[in-house]
Amino acid sequence: MDKKKLFKSTGFWCFAVAIAEFLLFLIWGLNIQGGDEMGFSLITIYAAIPLTALILCTLLAAKKSKAAIALALLMILIEIFLPFFIFGTFEIGLSLCLSAIPCAAGLIFGYFISKKN
């Protein structure tokens, strides 16, 4: 694939945003002070990552990209592994709910948007 075509593709930028978000929140999470864990969790794990998953999955599914499922799986893995790297615990049940539901909703919304056009 041509470099120019790769950088213009929506799928590349969606994956780049997801990985950049993970790295940003990982760096922020590793530098939080004692007592700031609740704020970090509320902002990142419960709000920002699910919202990003919803938007990016909707965008890729609306463009009928085959990478939409792969992005959904990446966002689920980010949601599972971020608390592990920060807090040292796996919250698989909660993380699956917080990431799988927005990813599935984004894929469904994108499917209906692509059908409408």
C-alpha atoms as a PDB file:
ATOM      1  CA  MET A   1       0.000   0.000   0.000  1.00  0.00           C
ATOM      2  CA  ASP A   2       1.211   3.459  -0.853  1.00  0.00           C
ATOM      3  CA  LYS A   3       2.317   5.645   2.089  1.00  0.00           C
ATOM      4  CA  LYS A   4       0.113   8.549   1.019  1.00  0.00           C
ATOM      5  CA  LYS A   5      -2.911   6.301   0.723  1.00  0.00           C
ATOM      6  CA  LEU A   6      -2.184   4.761   4.143  1.00  0.00           C
ATOM      7  CA  PHE A   7      -2.048   8.125   5.899  1.00  0.00           C
ATOM      8  CA  LYS A   8      -5.247   9.253   4.194  1.00  0.00           C
ATOM      9  CA  SER A   9      -7.195   6.173   5.253  1.00  0.00           C
ATOM     10  CA  THR A  10      -9.677   6.516   8.081  1.00  0.00           C
ATOM     11  CA  GLY A  11      -8.749   3.160   9.561  1.00  0.00           C
ATOM     12  CA  PHE A  12      -5.143   4.190  10.115  1.00  0.00           C
ATOM     13  CA  TRP A  13      -6.159   7.324  11.980  1.00  0.00           C
ATOM     14  CA  CYS A  14      -8.726   5.505  14.101  1.00  0.00           C
ATOM     15  CA  PHE A  15      -6.113   2.984  15.223  1.00  0.00           C
ATOM     16  CA  ALA A  16      -3.598   5.793  15.789  1.00  0.00           C
ATOM     17  CA  VAL A  17      -6.092   7.676  17.978  1.00  0.00           C
ATOM     18  CA  ALA A  18      -6.871   4.535  20.007  1.00  0.00           C
ATOM     19  CA  ILE A  19      -3.198   3.731  20.622  1.00  0.00           C
ATOM     20  CA  ALA A  20      -2.349   7.370  21.392  1.00  0.00           C
ATOM     21  CA  GLU A  21      -5.228   7.524  23.869  1.00  0.00           C
ATOM     22  CA  PHE A  22      -4.003   4.350  25.562  1.00  0.00           C
ATOM     23  CA  LEU A  23      -0.446   5.671  25.847  1.00  0.00           C
ATOM     24  CA  LEU A  24      -1.614   9.072  27.098  1.00  0.00           C
ATOM     25  CA  PHE A  25      -3.810   7.561  29.800  1.00  0.00           C
ATOM     26  CA  LEU A  26      -1.099   5.049  30.715  1.00  0.00           C
ATOM     27  CA  ILE A  27       1.456   7.802  31.258  1.00  0.00           C
ATOM     28  CA  TRP A  28      -1.069   9.866  33.196  1.00  0.00           C
ATOM     29  CA  GLY A  29      -2.119   6.860  35.276  1.00  0.00           C
ATOM     30  CA  LEU A  30       1.415   5.909  36.197  1.00  0.00           C
ATOM     31  CA  ASN A  31       2.010   9.450  37.489  1.00  0.00           C
ATOM     32  CA  ILE A  32      -1.133   9.922  39.607  1.00  0.00           C
ATOM     33  CA  GLN A  33      -0.721  10.793  43.258  1.00  0.00           C
ATOM     34  CA  GLY A  34      -2.368   8.969  46.125  1.00  0.00           C
ATOM     35  CA  GLY A  35      -6.050   9.831  46.351  1.00  0.00           C
ATOM     36  CA  ASP A  36      -6.428  10.648  42.657  1.00  0.00           C
ATOM     37  CA  GLU A  37      -7.362   7.122  41.609  1.00  0.00           C
ATOM     38  CA  MET A  38     -11.100   7.740  41.645  1.00  0.00           C
ATOM     39  CA  GLY A  39     -10.857  10.788  39.403  1.00  0.00           C
ATOM     40  CA  PHE A  40      -8.574   8.950  37.000  1.00  0.00           C
ATOM     41  CA  SER A  41     -10.980   6.014  36.849  1.00  0.00           C
ATOM     42  CA  LEU A  42     -14.040   8.190  36.316  1.00  0.00           C
ATOM     43  CA  ILE A  43     -12.447  10.239  33.570  1.00  0.00           C
ATOM     44  CA  THR A  44     -10.625   7.537  31.649  1.00  0.00           C
ATOM     45  CA  ILE A  45     -12.132   4.126  32.298  1.00  0.00           C
ATOM     46  CA  TYR A  46     -15.761   5.152  32.688  1.00  0.00           C
ATOM     47  CA  ALA A  47     -16.018   8.115  30.281  1.00  0.00           C
ATOM     48  CA  ALA A  48     -13.238   8.798  27.773  1.00  0.00           C
ATOM     49  CA  ILE A  49     -12.399   5.297  26.534  1.00  0.00           C
ATOM     50  CA  PRO A  50     -16.029   4.135  26.076  1.00  0.00           C
ATOM     51  CA  LEU A  51     -16.916   7.400  24.324  1.00  0.00           C
ATOM     52  CA  THR A  52     -13.910   7.083  22.032  1.00  0.00           C
ATOM     53  CA  ALA A  53     -14.819   3.452  21.300  1.00  0.00           C
ATOM     54  CA  LEU A  54     -18.363   4.493  20.373  1.00  0.00           C
ATOM     55  CA  ILE A  55     -17.225   7.287  18.059  1.00  0.00           C
ATOM     56  CA  LEU A  56     -14.400   5.386  16.333  1.00  0.00           C
ATOM     57  CA  CYS A  57     -16.424   2.197  15.823  1.00  0.00           C
ATOM     58  CA  THR A  58     -19.325   4.225  14.412  1.00  0.00           C
ATOM     59  CA  LEU A  59     -16.980   6.044  12.053  1.00  0.00           C
ATOM     60  CA  LEU A  60     -15.354   2.884  10.712  1.00  0.00           C
ATOM     61  CA  ALA A  61     -18.607   0.944  10.458  1.00  0.00           C
ATOM     62  CA  ALA A  62     -20.261   3.835   8.595  1.00  0.00           C
ATOM     63  CA  LYS A  63     -17.436   3.718   6.051  1.00  0.00           C
ATOM     64  CA  LYS A  64     -17.978  -0.053   5.714  1.00  0.00           C
ATOM     65  CA  SER A  65     -14.390  -0.722   6.730  1.00  0.00           C
ATOM     66  CA  LYS A  66     -13.287  -4.245   7.487  1.00  0.00           C
ATOM     67  CA  ALA A  67     -11.105  -2.844  10.267  1.00  0.00           C
ATOM     68  CA  ALA A  68     -14.136  -1.936  12.405  1.00  0.00           C
ATOM     69  CA  ILE A  69     -14.164  -5.307  14.193  1.00  0.00           C
ATOM     70  CA  ALA A  70     -10.412  -5.173  14.768  1.00  0.00           C
ATOM     71  CA  LEU A  71     -10.740  -1.680  16.228  1.00  0.00           C
ATOM     72  CA  ALA A  72     -13.546  -2.857  18.513  1.00  0.00           C
ATOM     73  CA  LEU A  73     -11.335  -5.675  19.782  1.00  0.00           C
ATOM     74  CA  LEU A  74      -8.446  -3.237  20.304  1.00  0.00           C
ATOM     75  CA  MET A  75     -10.657  -0.914  22.341  1.00  0.00           C
ATOM     76  CA  ILE A  76     -11.840  -3.840  24.467  1.00  0.00           C
ATOM     77  CA  LEU A  77      -8.220  -4.861  25.112  1.00  0.00           C
ATOM     78  CA  ILE A  78      -7.303  -1.285  26.008  1.00  0.00           C
ATOM     79  CA  GLU A  79     -10.176  -1.170  28.494  1.00  0.00           C
ATOM     80  CA  ILE A  80      -9.064  -4.461  30.059  1.00  0.00           C
ATOM     81  CA  PHE A  81      -5.326  -3.813  30.245  1.00  0.00           C
ATOM     82  CA  LEU A  82      -5.269  -0.143  31.296  1.00  0.00           C
ATOM     83  CA  PRO A  83      -6.543  -0.854  34.841  1.00  0.00           C
ATOM     84  CA  PHE A  84      -4.106  -3.761  35.043  1.00  0.00           C
ATOM     85  CA  PHE A  85      -1.115  -1.554  34.235  1.00  0.00           C
ATOM     86  CA  ILE A  86      -2.255   1.228  36.575  1.00  0.00           C
ATOM     87  CA  PHE A  87      -3.828  -0.590  39.523  1.00  0.00           C
ATOM     88  CA  GLY A  88      -2.463  -4.124  39.101  1.00  0.00           C
ATOM     89  CA  THR A  89      -5.913  -5.734  38.940  1.00  0.00           C
ATOM     90  CA  PHE A  90      -7.945  -7.334  36.207  1.00  0.00           C
ATOM     91  CA  GLU A  91     -11.564  -6.198  36.180  1.00  0.00           C
ATOM     92  CA  ILE A  92     -12.576  -8.262  33.197  1.00  0.00           C
ATOM     93  CA  GLY A  93     -16.338  -8.294  33.793  1.00  0.00           C
ATOM     94  CA  LEU A  94     -16.671  -4.560  34.336  1.00  0.00           C
ATOM     95  CA  SER A  95     -14.181  -3.737  31.599  1.00  0.00           C
ATOM     96  CA  LEU A  96     -15.998  -5.911  29.091  1.00  0.00           C
ATOM     97  CA  CYS A  97     -19.280  -4.166  29.875  1.00  0.00           C
ATOM     98  CA  LEU A  98     -17.721  -0.710  29.685  1.00  0.00           C
ATOM     99  CA  SER A  99     -16.044  -1.328  26.355  1.00  0.00           C
ATOM    100  CA  ALA A 100     -18.033  -4.027  24.569  1.00  0.00           C
ATOM    101  CA  ILE A 101     -21.354  -2.207  24.852  1.00  0.00           C
ATOM    102  CA  PRO A 102     -20.100   1.070  23.261  1.00  0.00           C
ATOM    103  CA  CYS A 103     -18.193  -0.882  20.603  1.00  0.00           C
ATOM    104  CA  ALA A 104     -21.260  -2.933  19.704  1.00  0.00           C
ATOM    105  CA  ALA A 105     -23.455   0.160  19.726  1.00  0.00           C
ATOM    106  CA  GLY A 106     -20.962   1.962  17.485  1.00  0.00           C
ATOM    107  CA  LEU A 107     -20.896  -0.926  15.031  1.00  0.00           C
ATOM    108  CA  ILE A 108     -24.698  -1.024  14.951  1.00  0.00           C
ATOM    109  CA  PHE A 109     -25.019   2.766  14.551  1.00  0.00           C
ATOM    110  CA  GLY A 110     -22.428   2.737  11.793  1.00  0.00           C
ATOM    111  CA  TYR A 111     -24.217  -0.102  10.024  1.00  0.00           C
ATOM    112  CA  PHE A 112     -27.488   1.844  10.008  1.00  0.00           C
ATOM    113  CA  ILE A 113     -25.746   5.034   8.900  1.00  0.00           C
ATOM    114  CA  SER A 114     -24.110   3.190   6.001  1.00  0.00           C
ATOM    115  CA  LYS A 115     -27.471   1.654   5.024  1.00  0.00           C
ATOM    116  CA  LYS A 116     -29.071   5.095   5.041  1.00  0.00           C
ATOM    117  CA  ASN A 117     -26.522   6.538   2.596  1.00  0.00           C
END
